[in-house]
Amino acid sequence: MGIALAVALAAFAVAHLTLVAGLARRRPWWRAILALAVPPLAPWWGWRAGLRARAIAWGTALALYAIGVAAA
């Protein structure tokens, strides 16, 4: 179970960083900086900026991690 949680957390971290990187390449770029400090803003702004696949990956990874924590 520990390995599954580690993998889910790593997937969430990668999804978050790729989403923030995508936001940094779009205007306004300051949203990327704020999304690092307030993570729930990343998928919201990512969805609106057209980064739908990254936002879905972010939500899926978070859901998998939450299910893993609840099951542990």
N, C-alpha and C. Protein backbone atom coordinates (compact mmCIF):
# COMPACT_ATOMS: atom_id res chain seq x y z
N MET A 1 0.82 -1.19 0.00
CA MET A 1 0.00 0.00 0.00
C MET A 1 0.87 1.26 0.00
N GLY A 2 1.98 1.18 0.67
CA GLY A 2 2.87 2.34 0.72
C GLY A 2 3.42 2.72 -0.64
N ILE A 3 3.74 1.71 -1.44
CA ILE A 3 4.26 1.98 -2.79
C ILE A 3 3.18 2.62 -3.65
N ALA A 4 1.94 2.14 -3.52
CA ALA A 4 0.84 2.71 -4.30
C ALA A 4 0.61 4.17 -3.91
N LEU A 5 0.70 4.48 -2.63
CA LEU A 5 0.54 5.87 -2.19
C LEU A 5 1.68 6.74 -2.71
N ALA A 6 2.89 6.22 -2.70
CA ALA A 6 4.03 6.99 -3.20
C ALA A 6 3.89 7.27 -4.69
N VAL A 7 3.44 6.26 -5.44
CA VAL A 7 3.26 6.44 -6.88
C VAL A 7 2.15 7.45 -7.16
N ALA A 8 1.05 7.36 -6.41
CA ALA A 8 -0.06 8.30 -6.61
C ALA A 8 0.37 9.73 -6.27
N LEU A 9 1.13 9.88 -5.19
CA LEU A 9 1.61 11.22 -4.81
C LEU A 9 2.59 11.77 -5.85
N ALA A 10 3.45 10.90 -6.37
CA ALA A 10 4.39 11.34 -7.41
C ALA A 10 3.64 11.74 -8.68
N ALA A 11 2.61 10.96 -9.04
CA ALA A 11 1.81 11.30 -10.22
C ALA A 11 1.11 12.64 -10.02
N PHE A 12 0.62 12.89 -8.82
CA PHE A 12 -0.03 14.17 -8.53
C PHE A 12 0.97 15.32 -8.65
N ALA A 13 2.17 15.13 -8.10
CA ALA A 13 3.18 16.18 -8.16
C ALA A 13 3.58 16.49 -9.60
N VAL A 14 3.75 15.45 -10.40
CA VAL A 14 4.12 15.66 -11.81
C VAL A 14 2.98 16.35 -12.56
N ALA A 15 1.74 15.91 -12.31
CA ALA A 15 0.60 16.53 -12.98
C ALA A 15 0.49 18.01 -12.59
N HIS A 16 0.73 18.30 -11.31
CA HIS A 16 0.64 19.69 -10.86
C HIS A 16 1.73 20.55 -11.51
N LEU A 17 2.94 20.04 -11.56
CA LEU A 17 4.03 20.82 -12.14
C LEU A 17 3.85 21.03 -13.65
N THR A 18 3.35 20.02 -14.35
CA THR A 18 3.12 20.22 -15.79
C THR A 18 1.98 21.20 -16.04
N LEU A 19 0.99 21.17 -15.17
CA LEU A 19 -0.11 22.13 -15.29
C LEU A 19 0.37 23.55 -15.01
N VAL A 20 1.19 23.71 -14.00
CA VAL A 20 1.75 25.03 -13.69
C VAL A 20 2.66 25.50 -14.83
N ALA A 21 3.44 24.59 -15.40
CA ALA A 21 4.30 24.97 -16.53
C ALA A 21 3.47 25.42 -17.72
N GLY A 22 2.35 24.75 -17.96
CA GLY A 22 1.47 25.17 -19.04
C GLY A 22 0.85 26.53 -18.78
N LEU A 23 0.51 26.80 -17.53
CA LEU A 23 -0.03 28.11 -17.18
C LEU A 23 1.03 29.20 -17.32
N ALA A 24 2.27 28.86 -17.04
CA ALA A 24 3.35 29.86 -17.13
C ALA A 24 3.58 30.31 -18.57
N ARG A 25 3.24 29.47 -19.53
CA ARG A 25 3.43 29.83 -20.93
C ARG A 25 2.28 30.63 -21.50
N ARG A 26 1.25 30.83 -20.71
CA ARG A 26 0.08 31.58 -21.18
C ARG A 26 -0.06 32.86 -20.36
N ARG A 27 -0.80 33.79 -20.93
CA ARG A 27 -1.06 35.03 -20.20
C ARG A 27 -2.33 34.90 -19.40
N PRO A 28 -2.47 35.45 -18.26
CA PRO A 28 -1.44 36.10 -17.45
C PRO A 28 -0.55 35.06 -16.75
N TRP A 29 0.75 35.25 -16.83
CA TRP A 29 1.72 34.28 -16.32
C TRP A 29 1.75 34.22 -14.80
N TRP A 30 1.26 35.26 -14.12
CA TRP A 30 1.30 35.27 -12.65
C TRP A 30 0.39 34.21 -12.06
N ARG A 31 -0.54 33.69 -12.85
CA ARG A 31 -1.40 32.62 -12.35
C ARG A 31 -0.61 31.37 -12.02
N ALA A 32 0.45 31.12 -12.76
CA ALA A 32 1.29 29.95 -12.49
C ALA A 32 1.94 30.06 -11.12
N ILE A 33 2.41 31.25 -10.78
CA ILE A 33 3.04 31.46 -9.48
C ILE A 33 2.02 31.28 -8.36
N LEU A 34 0.84 31.84 -8.55
CA LEU A 34 -0.20 31.70 -7.54
C LEU A 34 -0.69 30.26 -7.42
N ALA A 35 -0.72 29.53 -8.54
CA ALA A 35 -1.16 28.13 -8.52
C ALA A 35 -0.17 27.25 -7.77
N LEU A 36 1.09 27.65 -7.70
CA LEU A 36 2.05 26.91 -6.88
C LEU A 36 1.74 27.07 -5.39
N ALA A 37 1.29 28.24 -4.99
CA ALA A 37 0.98 28.50 -3.60
C ALA A 37 -0.40 27.98 -3.20
N VAL A 38 -1.35 28.01 -4.12
CA VAL A 38 -2.73 27.57 -3.87
C VAL A 38 -3.06 26.50 -4.91
N PRO A 39 -2.70 25.24 -4.65
CA PRO A 39 -2.84 24.18 -5.66
C PRO A 39 -4.24 24.01 -6.28
N PRO A 40 -5.35 24.19 -5.56
CA PRO A 40 -6.65 24.00 -6.23
C PRO A 40 -6.93 24.98 -7.37
N LEU A 41 -6.19 26.07 -7.44
CA LEU A 41 -6.38 27.01 -8.54
C LEU A 41 -5.81 26.49 -9.86
N ALA A 42 -4.84 25.60 -9.78
CA ALA A 42 -4.18 25.10 -10.99
C ALA A 42 -5.15 24.42 -11.96
N PRO A 43 -5.95 23.43 -11.52
CA PRO A 43 -6.84 22.81 -12.50
C PRO A 43 -7.95 23.75 -12.97
N TRP A 44 -8.38 24.63 -12.10
CA TRP A 44 -9.43 25.59 -12.48
C TRP A 44 -8.95 26.47 -13.62
N TRP A 45 -7.80 27.11 -13.42
CA TRP A 45 -7.26 27.99 -14.45
C TRP A 45 -6.76 27.20 -15.64
N GLY A 46 -6.25 26.00 -15.41
CA GLY A 46 -5.80 25.16 -16.51
C GLY A 46 -6.95 24.77 -17.43
N TRP A 47 -8.08 24.45 -16.85
CA TRP A 47 -9.26 24.09 -17.65
C TRP A 47 -9.70 25.27 -18.51
N ARG A 48 -9.72 26.44 -17.89
CA ARG A 48 -10.15 27.65 -18.62
C ARG A 48 -9.15 28.07 -19.69
N ALA A 49 -7.86 27.68 -19.50
CA ALA A 49 -6.82 28.05 -20.47
C ALA A 49 -6.69 27.01 -21.59
N GLY A 50 -7.51 25.96 -21.55
CA GLY A 50 -7.46 24.96 -22.59
C GLY A 50 -6.55 23.78 -22.29
N LEU A 51 -6.07 23.69 -21.07
CA LEU A 51 -5.20 22.58 -20.66
C LEU A 51 -6.05 21.48 -20.02
N ARG A 52 -7.05 21.04 -20.75
CA ARG A 52 -8.04 20.12 -20.18
C ARG A 52 -7.45 18.76 -19.82
N ALA A 53 -6.59 18.22 -20.65
CA ALA A 53 -5.99 16.91 -20.36
C ALA A 53 -5.14 16.98 -19.09
N ARG A 54 -4.40 18.05 -18.94
CA ARG A 54 -3.57 18.20 -17.74
C ARG A 54 -4.43 18.40 -16.50
N ALA A 55 -5.52 19.13 -16.63
CA ALA A 55 -6.42 19.32 -15.49
C ALA A 55 -7.10 18.01 -15.10
N ILE A 56 -7.46 17.20 -16.08
CA ILE A 56 -8.06 15.89 -15.77
C ILE A 56 -7.03 14.98 -15.13
N ALA A 57 -5.80 15.01 -15.60
CA ALA A 57 -4.74 14.20 -14.99
C ALA A 57 -4.51 14.63 -13.55
N TRP A 58 -4.54 15.92 -13.29
CA TRP A 58 -4.37 16.46 -11.93
C TRP A 58 -5.48 15.92 -11.02
N GLY A 59 -6.71 16.02 -11.46
CA GLY A 59 -7.83 15.56 -10.66
C GLY A 59 -7.82 14.06 -10.44
N THR A 60 -7.47 13.31 -11.47
CA THR A 60 -7.41 11.85 -11.36
C THR A 60 -6.32 11.42 -10.38
N ALA A 61 -5.15 12.04 -10.47
CA ALA A 61 -4.06 11.70 -9.56
C ALA A 61 -4.43 12.05 -8.12
N LEU A 62 -5.08 13.17 -7.93
CA LEU A 62 -5.50 13.55 -6.57
C LEU A 62 -6.54 12.58 -6.04
N ALA A 63 -7.48 12.16 -6.88
CA ALA A 63 -8.51 11.21 -6.46
C ALA A 63 -7.89 9.87 -6.09
N LEU A 64 -6.94 9.40 -6.89
CA LEU A 64 -6.28 8.14 -6.58
C LEU A 64 -5.52 8.21 -5.26
N TYR A 65 -4.86 9.33 -5.02
CA TYR A 65 -4.14 9.49 -3.76
C TYR A 65 -5.10 9.55 -2.59
N ALA A 66 -6.20 10.25 -2.73
CA ALA A 66 -7.19 10.35 -1.65
C ALA A 66 -7.82 8.98 -1.35
N ILE A 67 -8.11 8.22 -2.39
CA ILE A 67 -8.65 6.88 -2.18
C ILE A 67 -7.64 5.99 -1.47
N GLY A 68 -6.39 6.12 -1.86
CA GLY A 68 -5.32 5.34 -1.21
C GLY A 68 -5.15 5.69 0.25
N VAL A 69 -5.22 6.98 0.56
CA VAL A 69 -5.11 7.40 1.96
C VAL A 69 -6.30 6.90 2.77
N ALA A 70 -7.49 6.98 2.19
CA ALA A 70 -8.68 6.50 2.89
C ALA A 70 -8.62 4.99 3.11
N ALA A 71 -8.08 4.26 2.15
CA ALA A 71 -8.01 2.81 2.27
C ALA A 71 -6.93 2.39 3.27
N ALA A 72 -5.90 3.20 3.40
CA ALA A 72 -4.82 2.87 4.34
C ALA A 72 -5.31 3.12 5.73
